[in-house]
Amino acid sequence: MQLEEQSLKQITIDVCQSMLGLELNSIVPDMDATRQLVAMVEIRGCRHTVVEVFAGDRLMEAIAEAMFCSDRGSLSEEEIRDAFCEIANMIGGNVKGSFGEEAALSLPVIGQANDWPSDLPSGSLLTAFECCGHPLTIVVREVASESEVGEPLAVG
């Protein structure tokens, strides 16, 4: 994977801070998949890459409120999920652009972060931030086949 951790951090900062005005502070990743949701996009080209964005309900709400310039508690579950998927889509699109090769970006999907791997495949990137008092974790990993992607369970 040609992408470096610092580039992934900068992409995430650009999307969240520059586009949405959300303050990010780097933290040590500490995944608790039982309380997280994941929005995922796939990048298909010369390589097959998955970009996963992990967050809890409260952070998803804060992201949606910033994205839609809405008051706290005024958005539907569907709007919150759409905003969370859009964050994954924007980060994934920037990751895809950093590869410098022809590739396609899938539509984002959202689901429970059930089977968080205890160790990521070699070459994977993991970065985490504190955003609105909650963890936001981004994982970029290459996969060899469809079966390695792991389908998130539908939420809702």
Protein backbone atom coordinates (compact mmCIF):
# COMPACT_ATOMS: atom_id res chain seq x y z
CA MET A 1 0.00 0.00 0.00
CA GLN A 2 1.47 3.34 -1.04
CA LEU A 3 -0.57 5.40 1.39
CA GLU A 4 1.22 6.31 4.63
CA GLU A 5 -0.30 6.82 8.07
CA GLN A 6 0.42 10.56 8.04
CA SER A 7 -1.42 10.89 4.72
CA LEU A 8 -4.41 9.00 6.13
CA LYS A 9 -4.39 11.29 9.18
CA GLN A 10 -4.30 14.37 6.94
CA ILE A 11 -7.13 13.07 4.74
CA THR A 12 -9.28 12.50 7.82
CA ILE A 13 -8.44 15.94 9.22
CA ASP A 14 -9.24 17.57 5.88
CA VAL A 15 -12.63 15.87 5.70
CA CYS A 16 -13.67 16.38 9.31
CA GLN A 17 -12.05 19.69 10.26
CA SER A 18 -11.87 21.56 7.00
CA MET A 19 -15.19 20.44 5.52
CA LEU A 20 -17.30 20.01 8.67
CA GLY A 21 -15.57 22.15 11.29
CA LEU A 22 -15.13 19.21 13.68
CA GLU A 23 -12.06 19.35 15.92
CA LEU A 24 -9.86 16.23 15.81
CA ASN A 25 -7.13 15.21 18.24
CA SER A 26 -4.94 12.16 17.59
CA ILE A 27 -5.36 9.33 20.10
CA VAL A 28 -4.12 5.77 20.49
CA PRO A 29 -6.61 3.44 18.78
CA ASP A 30 -8.66 1.42 21.26
CA MET A 31 -11.39 -0.48 19.49
CA ASP A 32 -14.46 -1.63 21.38
CA ALA A 33 -16.36 -3.16 18.48
CA THR A 34 -19.36 -3.99 20.64
CA ARG A 35 -20.20 -0.29 20.85
CA GLN A 36 -19.13 0.81 17.39
CA LEU A 37 -20.68 1.03 13.97
CA VAL A 38 -18.65 0.90 10.80
CA ALA A 39 -19.16 2.64 7.47
CA MET A 40 -17.14 1.01 4.73
CA VAL A 41 -16.22 1.68 1.11
CA GLU A 42 -14.19 -0.46 -1.26
CA ILE A 43 -11.64 0.76 -3.77
CA ARG A 44 -11.27 -1.58 -6.73
CA GLY A 45 -8.54 -1.21 -9.29
CA CYS A 46 -5.06 -2.69 -9.51
CA ARG A 47 -5.52 -3.45 -5.82
CA HIS A 48 -8.63 -4.14 -3.76
CA THR A 49 -8.66 -1.85 -0.72
CA VAL A 50 -11.23 -1.37 2.02
CA VAL A 51 -11.62 1.88 3.97
CA GLU A 52 -13.50 1.48 7.26
CA VAL A 53 -14.64 4.30 9.54
CA PHE A 54 -15.61 3.29 13.08
CA ALA A 55 -17.68 5.44 15.46
CA GLY A 56 -20.35 5.17 18.13
CA ASP A 57 -23.89 6.54 18.02
CA ARG A 58 -23.10 9.86 19.73
CA LEU A 59 -20.28 10.70 17.33
CA MET A 60 -22.41 9.73 14.34
CA GLU A 61 -25.04 12.20 15.57
CA ALA A 62 -22.44 14.96 15.98
CA ILE A 63 -21.11 14.32 12.46
CA ALA A 64 -24.63 14.50 11.00
CA GLU A 65 -25.46 17.66 12.92
CA ALA A 66 -22.30 19.33 11.60
CA MET A 67 -22.89 18.09 8.06
CA PHE A 68 -26.52 19.24 7.94
CA CYS A 69 -26.04 22.32 10.17
CA SER A 70 -28.80 20.95 12.39
CA ASP A 71 -29.77 21.31 16.01
CA ARG A 72 -29.00 18.52 18.45
CA GLY A 73 -31.57 15.74 18.30
CA SER A 74 -33.36 17.07 15.22
CA LEU A 75 -32.19 14.46 12.69
CA SER A 76 -33.68 11.09 11.82
CA GLU A 77 -31.74 7.83 12.11
CA GLU A 78 -31.63 7.68 8.31
CA GLU A 79 -30.07 11.16 8.08
CA ILE A 80 -27.51 10.24 10.74
CA ARG A 81 -26.57 7.05 8.88
CA ASP A 82 -26.39 8.89 5.56
CA ALA A 83 -23.99 11.44 7.05
CA PHE A 84 -21.80 8.71 8.54
CA CYS A 85 -21.71 6.90 5.19
CA GLU A 86 -20.80 10.16 3.49
CA ILE A 87 -17.80 10.60 5.80
CA ALA A 88 -16.59 7.12 4.78
CA ASN A 89 -17.25 8.02 1.15
CA MET A 90 -15.25 11.28 1.38
CA ILE A 91 -12.32 9.65 3.18
CA GLY A 92 -12.41 6.69 0.77
CA GLY A 93 -12.51 9.00 -2.24
CA ASN A 94 -9.45 10.87 -1.00
CA VAL A 95 -7.62 7.60 -0.29
CA LYS A 96 -8.49 6.42 -3.81
CA GLY A 97 -7.17 9.70 -5.24
CA SER A 98 -3.89 9.28 -3.38
CA PHE A 99 -3.23 5.97 -5.16
CA GLY A 100 -2.68 7.78 -8.47
CA GLU A 101 -4.19 4.97 -10.52
CA GLU A 102 -7.51 4.20 -12.14
CA ALA A 103 -9.90 2.71 -9.59
CA ALA A 104 -13.59 2.56 -8.70
CA LEU A 105 -15.12 3.48 -5.35
CA SER A 106 -18.09 1.46 -4.10
CA LEU A 107 -21.12 2.94 -2.47
CA PRO A 108 -20.71 3.06 1.31
CA VAL A 109 -22.38 0.49 3.54
CA ILE A 110 -22.98 0.71 7.27
CA GLY A 111 -23.22 -1.99 9.86
CA GLN A 112 -22.16 -3.28 13.26
CA ALA A 113 -18.43 -3.57 13.84
CA ASN A 114 -18.75 -7.16 15.01
CA ASP A 115 -15.56 -8.98 14.19
CA TRP A 116 -12.82 -6.47 14.84
CA PRO A 117 -9.57 -8.27 13.98
CA SER A 118 -7.08 -8.55 16.81
CA ASP A 119 -4.31 -8.00 14.29
CA LEU A 120 -4.57 -6.27 10.94
CA PRO A 121 -2.95 -7.65 7.80
CA SER A 122 0.55 -6.41 7.04
CA GLY A 123 0.49 -3.09 5.25
CA SER A 124 -2.80 -2.00 6.81
CA LEU A 125 -3.14 1.49 8.24
CA LEU A 126 -4.94 2.37 11.46
CA THR A 127 -5.39 5.84 12.86
CA ALA A 128 -7.68 7.24 15.53
CA PHE A 129 -8.88 10.61 16.73
CA GLU A 130 -10.96 12.04 19.51
CA CYS A 131 -13.83 13.96 17.95
CA CYS A 132 -16.60 15.60 19.99
CA GLY A 133 -15.45 13.59 23.00
CA HIS A 134 -15.70 10.23 21.21
CA PRO A 135 -13.27 7.99 19.30
CA LEU A 136 -13.19 8.03 15.50
CA THR A 137 -11.08 5.24 14.03
CA ILE A 138 -10.07 4.78 10.38
CA VAL A 139 -8.68 1.54 8.95
CA VAL A 140 -7.34 1.12 5.42
CA ARG A 141 -6.45 -2.40 4.41
CA GLU A 142 -5.83 -4.30 1.21
CA VAL A 143 -7.78 -7.49 0.67
CA ALA A 144 -7.12 -10.27 -1.77
CA SER A 145 -10.72 -11.30 -2.37
CA GLU A 146 -14.38 -10.47 -1.74
CA SER A 147 -14.49 -12.95 1.15
CA GLU A 148 -11.89 -10.91 3.08
CA VAL A 149 -13.96 -7.73 2.97
CA GLY A 150 -16.42 -8.85 5.60
CA GLU A 151 -19.94 -7.69 5.06
CA PRO A 152 -21.15 -5.43 7.84
CA LEU A 153 -24.56 -6.41 9.14
CA ALA A 154 -27.36 -4.12 8.05
CA VAL A 155 -28.43 -1.71 10.75
CA GLY A 156 -32.02 -0.64 10.98
